[in-house]
Amino acid sequence: MIQIGDPLPAVTLQEYVEEPAAGCSIGPSPVDVRQAAAGKTIALFAVPGAFTPVCSARHAPGYLERYDALKTAGVDEIWCTAVNDAFVLGAWGHALKAGGKIRFLADGSAEFAKAMGLSVDMSARGFGLRSARYSALIKGGKIAVLNVDAPGKFEVSDADTLLAQVKQG
């Protein structure tokens, strides 16, 4: 598992971005994780899947509710990643009305989750390989804080916990 002080893995995620031009959208677009995080402070949270109950009702909404507080505390961007394709994550972000607040970065083949050492085999439940539920504070492309929930739990990766850690410096 990735540790405090480690750089983000050299992985490319996918992002589906809606553009208001003529009702058309662009994407999915590749996002080089290391390049996108360079020189920034990122609040990252990972979920097992878009549109799942805890992820949709509590996890992502918590980060939307704390958006202003996280920005005030020094966070440049909020990222969400899940082992879904970019179209699904784009639709989830749209359904949550998260436009411009959270970047939904698709880890369709679980390459990021595996590189982080935070992949979880949920095949027994019919979900295949997924990401563990966690949050991280990324500073300049390196892990500064890492909060990993136990399987099936939502206790330490919430927005309030990460916000308190951001405020601590």
C-alpha atoms as a PDB file:
ATOM      1  CA  MET A   1       0.000   0.000   0.000  1.00  0.00           C
ATOM      2  CA  ILE A   2       1.164   3.511  -0.787  1.00  0.00           C
ATOM      3  CA  GLN A   3       2.663   5.340   2.189  1.00  0.00           C
ATOM      4  CA  ILE A   4       2.892   8.915   3.458  1.00  0.00           C
ATOM      5  CA  GLY A   5       5.574  10.718   1.449  1.00  0.00           C
ATOM      6  CA  ASP A   6       5.265   8.469  -1.600  1.00  0.00           C
ATOM      7  CA  PRO A   7       4.582  10.056  -4.985  1.00  0.00           C
ATOM      8  CA  LEU A   8       1.328   9.339  -6.750  1.00  0.00           C
ATOM      9  CA  PRO A   9       1.630   6.426  -9.156  1.00  0.00           C
ATOM     10  CA  ALA A  10       2.398   7.158 -12.801  1.00  0.00           C
ATOM     11  CA  VAL A  11      -1.070   6.295 -14.087  1.00  0.00           C
ATOM     12  CA  THR A  12      -3.408   7.883 -16.602  1.00  0.00           C
ATOM     13  CA  LEU A  13      -7.057   8.169 -15.598  1.00  0.00           C
ATOM     14  CA  GLN A  14      -9.983   9.250 -17.785  1.00  0.00           C
ATOM     15  CA  GLU A  15     -12.269  12.241 -17.268  1.00  0.00           C
ATOM     16  CA  TYR A  16     -15.529  12.942 -19.065  1.00  0.00           C
ATOM     17  CA  VAL A  17     -16.110  16.690 -19.170  1.00  0.00           C
ATOM     18  CA  GLU A  18     -19.293  18.309 -20.356  1.00  0.00           C
ATOM     19  CA  GLU A  19     -18.870  21.513 -22.319  1.00  0.00           C
ATOM     20  CA  PRO A  20     -21.741  23.951 -22.740  1.00  0.00           C
ATOM     21  CA  ALA A  21     -21.017  24.390 -26.481  1.00  0.00           C
ATOM     22  CA  ALA A  22     -23.982  23.476 -28.711  1.00  0.00           C
ATOM     23  CA  GLY A  23     -25.184  20.746 -26.357  1.00  0.00           C
ATOM     24  CA  CYS A  24     -22.160  18.607 -27.144  1.00  0.00           C
ATOM     25  CA  SER A  25     -19.709  17.099 -24.739  1.00  0.00           C
ATOM     26  CA  ILE A  26     -16.066  16.274 -25.023  1.00  0.00           C
ATOM     27  CA  GLY A  27     -14.282  13.393 -23.449  1.00  0.00           C
ATOM     28  CA  PRO A  28     -13.281  11.072 -22.157  1.00  0.00           C
ATOM     29  CA  SER A  29      -9.977  12.808 -21.882  1.00  0.00           C
ATOM     30  CA  PRO A  30      -6.789  11.321 -20.447  1.00  0.00           C
ATOM     31  CA  VAL A  31      -5.477  12.746 -17.168  1.00  0.00           C
ATOM     32  CA  ASP A  32      -1.863  12.027 -16.279  1.00  0.00           C
ATOM     33  CA  VAL A  33      -2.174  11.828 -12.487  1.00  0.00           C
ATOM     34  CA  ARG A  34       1.338  13.016 -11.683  1.00  0.00           C
ATOM     35  CA  GLN A  35       1.187  15.904 -14.143  1.00  0.00           C
ATOM     36  CA  ALA A  36      -2.311  16.972 -12.986  1.00  0.00           C
ATOM     37  CA  ALA A  37      -1.244  16.983  -9.321  1.00  0.00           C
ATOM     38  CA  ALA A  38       2.071  18.784  -9.790  1.00  0.00           C
ATOM     39  CA  GLY A  39       2.290  21.913  -7.664  1.00  0.00           C
ATOM     40  CA  LYS A  40      -1.212  21.478  -6.258  1.00  0.00           C
ATOM     41  CA  THR A  41      -2.915  20.435  -3.058  1.00  0.00           C
ATOM     42  CA  ILE A  42      -5.520  17.799  -3.871  1.00  0.00           C
ATOM     43  CA  ALA A  43      -8.245  16.310  -1.684  1.00  0.00           C
ATOM     44  CA  LEU A  44      -8.701  12.851  -3.188  1.00  0.00           C
ATOM     45  CA  PHE A  45     -11.394  10.391  -2.246  1.00  0.00           C
ATOM     46  CA  ALA A  46     -11.937   6.965  -3.748  1.00  0.00           C
ATOM     47  CA  VAL A  47     -15.117   4.948  -3.761  1.00  0.00           C
ATOM     48  CA  PRO A  48     -15.915   1.356  -4.711  1.00  0.00           C
ATOM     49  CA  GLY A  49     -18.354   2.530  -7.379  1.00  0.00           C
ATOM     50  CA  ALA A  50     -20.426   5.368  -8.749  1.00  0.00           C
ATOM     51  CA  PHE A  51     -24.149   5.352  -7.991  1.00  0.00           C
ATOM     52  CA  THR A  52     -23.710   2.951  -5.073  1.00  0.00           C
ATOM     53  CA  PRO A  53     -25.688   3.726  -1.880  1.00  0.00           C
ATOM     54  CA  VAL A  54     -23.048   5.030   0.552  1.00  0.00           C
ATOM     55  CA  CYS A  55     -21.012   6.667  -2.205  1.00  0.00           C
ATOM     56  CA  SER A  56     -24.019   8.567  -3.584  1.00  0.00           C
ATOM     57  CA  ALA A  57     -25.812   9.366  -0.339  1.00  0.00           C
ATOM     58  CA  ARG A  58     -22.893  10.250   1.938  1.00  0.00           C
ATOM     59  CA  HIS A  59     -19.370  10.080   0.552  1.00  0.00           C
ATOM     60  CA  ALA A  60     -19.490  12.330  -2.544  1.00  0.00           C
ATOM     61  CA  PRO A  61     -22.159  14.665  -1.093  1.00  0.00           C
ATOM     62  CA  GLY A  62     -19.921  15.277   1.925  1.00  0.00           C
ATOM     63  CA  TYR A  63     -17.157  16.576  -0.320  1.00  0.00           C
ATOM     64  CA  LEU A  64     -19.636  18.765  -2.195  1.00  0.00           C
ATOM     65  CA  GLU A  65     -20.906  20.195   1.105  1.00  0.00           C
ATOM     66  CA  ARG A  66     -17.340  20.896   2.293  1.00  0.00           C
ATOM     67  CA  TYR A  67     -16.136  22.299  -1.032  1.00  0.00           C
ATOM     68  CA  ASP A  68     -15.884  25.904   0.159  1.00  0.00           C
ATOM     69  CA  ALA A  69     -14.252  24.941   3.460  1.00  0.00           C
ATOM     70  CA  LEU A  70     -11.693  22.730   1.699  1.00  0.00           C
ATOM     71  CA  LYS A  71     -10.859  25.503  -0.775  1.00  0.00           C
ATOM     72  CA  THR A  72     -10.526  28.038   2.070  1.00  0.00           C
ATOM     73  CA  ALA A  73      -8.206  25.616   3.886  1.00  0.00           C
ATOM     74  CA  GLY A  74      -5.874  25.504   0.886  1.00  0.00           C
ATOM     75  CA  VAL A  75      -7.128  22.663  -1.307  1.00  0.00           C
ATOM     76  CA  ASP A  76      -6.766  23.481  -5.003  1.00  0.00           C
ATOM     77  CA  GLU A  77      -8.878  20.614  -6.369  1.00  0.00           C
ATOM     78  CA  ILE A  78     -11.079  17.774  -5.166  1.00  0.00           C
ATOM     79  CA  TRP A  79     -10.764  14.494  -7.053  1.00  0.00           C
ATOM     80  CA  CYS A  80     -12.937  11.404  -6.879  1.00  0.00           C
ATOM     81  CA  THR A  81     -11.825   8.136  -8.398  1.00  0.00           C
ATOM     82  CA  ALA A  82     -13.683   4.873  -8.844  1.00  0.00           C
ATOM     83  CA  VAL A  83     -13.298   1.707 -10.891  1.00  0.00           C
ATOM     84  CA  ASN A  84     -15.920   2.728 -13.430  1.00  0.00           C
ATOM     85  CA  ASP A  85     -15.609   4.090 -16.944  1.00  0.00           C
ATOM     86  CA  ALA A  86     -15.451   7.811 -17.667  1.00  0.00           C
ATOM     87  CA  PHE A  87     -19.008   7.914 -18.993  1.00  0.00           C
ATOM     88  CA  VAL A  88     -20.407   6.475 -15.754  1.00  0.00           C
ATOM     89  CA  LEU A  89     -18.355   8.832 -13.582  1.00  0.00           C
ATOM     90  CA  GLY A  90     -19.348  11.766 -15.790  1.00  0.00           C
ATOM     91  CA  ALA A  91     -23.021  10.854 -15.424  1.00  0.00           C
ATOM     92  CA  TRP A  92     -22.602  10.440 -11.658  1.00  0.00           C
ATOM     93  CA  GLY A  93     -20.982  13.861 -11.333  1.00  0.00           C
ATOM     94  CA  HIS A  94     -23.812  15.344 -13.407  1.00  0.00           C
ATOM     95  CA  ALA A  95     -26.450  13.616 -11.238  1.00  0.00           C
ATOM     96  CA  LEU A  96     -24.761  14.975  -8.100  1.00  0.00           C
ATOM     97  CA  LYS A  97     -24.616  18.495  -9.627  1.00  0.00           C
ATOM     98  CA  ALA A  98     -20.889  18.514  -8.903  1.00  0.00           C
ATOM     99  CA  GLY A  99     -19.811  20.402 -12.014  1.00  0.00           C
ATOM    100  CA  GLY A 100     -16.721  22.501 -11.405  1.00  0.00           C
ATOM    101  CA  LYS A 101     -16.332  21.325  -7.821  1.00  0.00           C
ATOM    102  CA  ILE A 102     -15.174  17.699  -8.031  1.00  0.00           C
ATOM    103  CA  ARG A 103     -13.147  16.092 -10.795  1.00  0.00           C
ATOM    104  CA  PHE A 104     -14.473  12.571 -11.368  1.00  0.00           C
ATOM    105  CA  LEU A 105     -11.527  10.537 -12.631  1.00  0.00           C
ATOM    106  CA  ALA A 106     -12.295   7.094 -13.988  1.00  0.00           C
ATOM    107  CA  ASP A 107     -10.050   4.156 -13.152  1.00  0.00           C
ATOM    108  CA  GLY A 108     -11.807   1.778 -15.541  1.00  0.00           C
ATOM    109  CA  SER A 109      -9.233  -1.022 -15.366  1.00  0.00           C
ATOM    110  CA  ALA A 110      -8.328  -0.484 -11.683  1.00  0.00           C
ATOM    111  CA  GLU A 111      -4.763   0.460 -12.630  1.00  0.00           C
ATOM    112  CA  PHE A 112      -4.700   3.384 -10.180  1.00  0.00           C
ATOM    113  CA  ALA A 113      -6.272   1.320  -7.368  1.00  0.00           C
ATOM    114  CA  LYS A 114      -3.722  -1.451  -7.951  1.00  0.00           C
ATOM    115  CA  ALA A 115      -0.794   0.983  -8.143  1.00  0.00           C
ATOM    116  CA  MET A 116      -1.930   2.578  -4.873  1.00  0.00           C
ATOM    117  CA  GLY A 117      -2.104  -0.890  -3.301  1.00  0.00           C
ATOM    118  CA  LEU A 118      -5.751  -0.179  -2.524  1.00  0.00           C
ATOM    119  CA  SER A 119      -7.626  -2.499  -4.858  1.00  0.00           C
ATOM    120  CA  VAL A 120     -10.261  -4.809  -3.405  1.00  0.00           C
ATOM    121  CA  ASP A 121     -11.584  -7.994  -4.996  1.00  0.00           C
ATOM    122  CA  MET A 122     -15.384  -7.787  -4.751  1.00  0.00           C
ATOM    123  CA  SER A 123     -16.000 -10.647  -7.187  1.00  0.00           C
ATOM    124  CA  ALA A 124     -18.003 -12.569  -4.590  1.00  0.00           C
ATOM    125  CA  ARG A 125     -20.542  -9.715  -4.660  1.00  0.00           C
ATOM    126  CA  GLY A 126     -20.525  -9.485  -8.460  1.00  0.00           C
ATOM    127  CA  PHE A 127     -18.477  -6.274  -8.653  1.00  0.00           C
ATOM    128  CA  GLY A 128     -15.072  -7.604  -9.705  1.00  0.00           C
ATOM    129  CA  LEU A 129     -11.950  -5.660  -8.822  1.00  0.00           C
ATOM    130  CA  ARG A 130     -12.729  -2.286  -7.218  1.00  0.00           C
ATOM    131  CA  SER A 131     -11.051   0.434  -5.202  1.00  0.00           C
ATOM    132  CA  ALA A 132     -11.029   0.462  -1.436  1.00  0.00           C
ATOM    133  CA  ARG A 133     -12.850   3.391   0.127  1.00  0.00           C
ATOM    134  CA  TYR A 134     -10.270   5.978   1.191  1.00  0.00           C
ATOM    135  CA  SER A 135      -9.296   9.617   1.205  1.00  0.00           C
ATOM    136  CA  ALA A 136      -5.905  11.237   0.781  1.00  0.00           C
ATOM    137  CA  LEU A 137      -4.383  14.653   0.885  1.00  0.00           C
ATOM    138  CA  ILE A 138      -1.914  15.107  -1.952  1.00  0.00           C
ATOM    139  CA  LYS A 139       0.646  17.907  -1.765  1.00  0.00           C
ATOM    140  CA  GLY A 140       2.842  18.507  -4.776  1.00  0.00           C
ATOM    141  CA  GLY A 141       2.126  15.024  -6.112  1.00  0.00           C
ATOM    142  CA  LYS A 142       2.988  13.224  -2.863  1.00  0.00           C
ATOM    143  CA  ILE A 143       0.795  11.552  -0.265  1.00  0.00           C
ATOM    144  CA  ALA A 144       0.575  13.783   2.823  1.00  0.00           C
ATOM    145  CA  VAL A 145      -2.401  12.086   4.525  1.00  0.00           C
ATOM    146  CA  LEU A 146      -4.043   8.712   3.888  1.00  0.00           C
ATOM    147  CA  ASN A 147      -7.291   7.481   5.478  1.00  0.00           C
ATOM    148  CA  VAL A 148      -8.335   3.959   4.482  1.00  0.00           C
ATOM    149  CA  ASP A 149     -11.686   2.591   5.607  1.00  0.00           C
ATOM    150  CA  ALA A 150     -12.013  -1.040   6.637  1.00  0.00           C
ATOM    151  CA  PRO A 151     -13.934  -3.164   4.106  1.00  0.00           C
ATOM    152  CA  GLY A 152     -17.632  -2.326   4.174  1.00  0.00           C
ATOM    153  CA  LYS A 153     -17.087   0.708   6.429  1.00  0.00           C
ATOM    154  CA  PHE A 154     -17.350   4.483   5.988  1.00  0.00           C
ATOM    155  CA  GLU A 155     -15.610   5.919   9.030  1.00  0.00           C
ATOM    156  CA  VAL A 156     -12.372   7.766   8.139  1.00  0.00           C
ATOM    157  CA  SER A 157     -12.522   8.762   4.469  1.00  0.00           C
ATOM    158  CA  ASP A 158     -15.287  11.328   4.889  1.00  0.00           C
ATOM    159  CA  ALA A 159     -14.905  15.007   4.032  1.00  0.00           C
ATOM    160  CA  ASP A 160     -15.029  16.211   7.656  1.00  0.00           C
ATOM    161  CA  THR A 161     -12.090  14.006   8.652  1.00  0.00           C
ATOM    162  CA  LEU A 162      -9.967  15.121   5.707  1.00  0.00           C
ATOM    163  CA  LEU A 163     -10.938  18.762   6.210  1.00  0.00           C
ATOM    164  CA  ALA A 164      -9.779  18.629   9.848  1.00  0.00           C
ATOM    165  CA  GLN A 165      -6.473  17.116   8.685  1.00  0.00           C
ATOM    166  CA  VAL A 166      -6.026  19.803   6.009  1.00  0.00           C
ATOM    167  CA  LYS A 167      -6.559  22.483   8.650  1.00  0.00           C
ATOM    168  CA  GLN A 168      -3.924  20.874  10.887  1.00  0.00           C
ATOM    169  CA  GLY A 169      -1.379  21.485   8.153  1.00  0.00           C
END
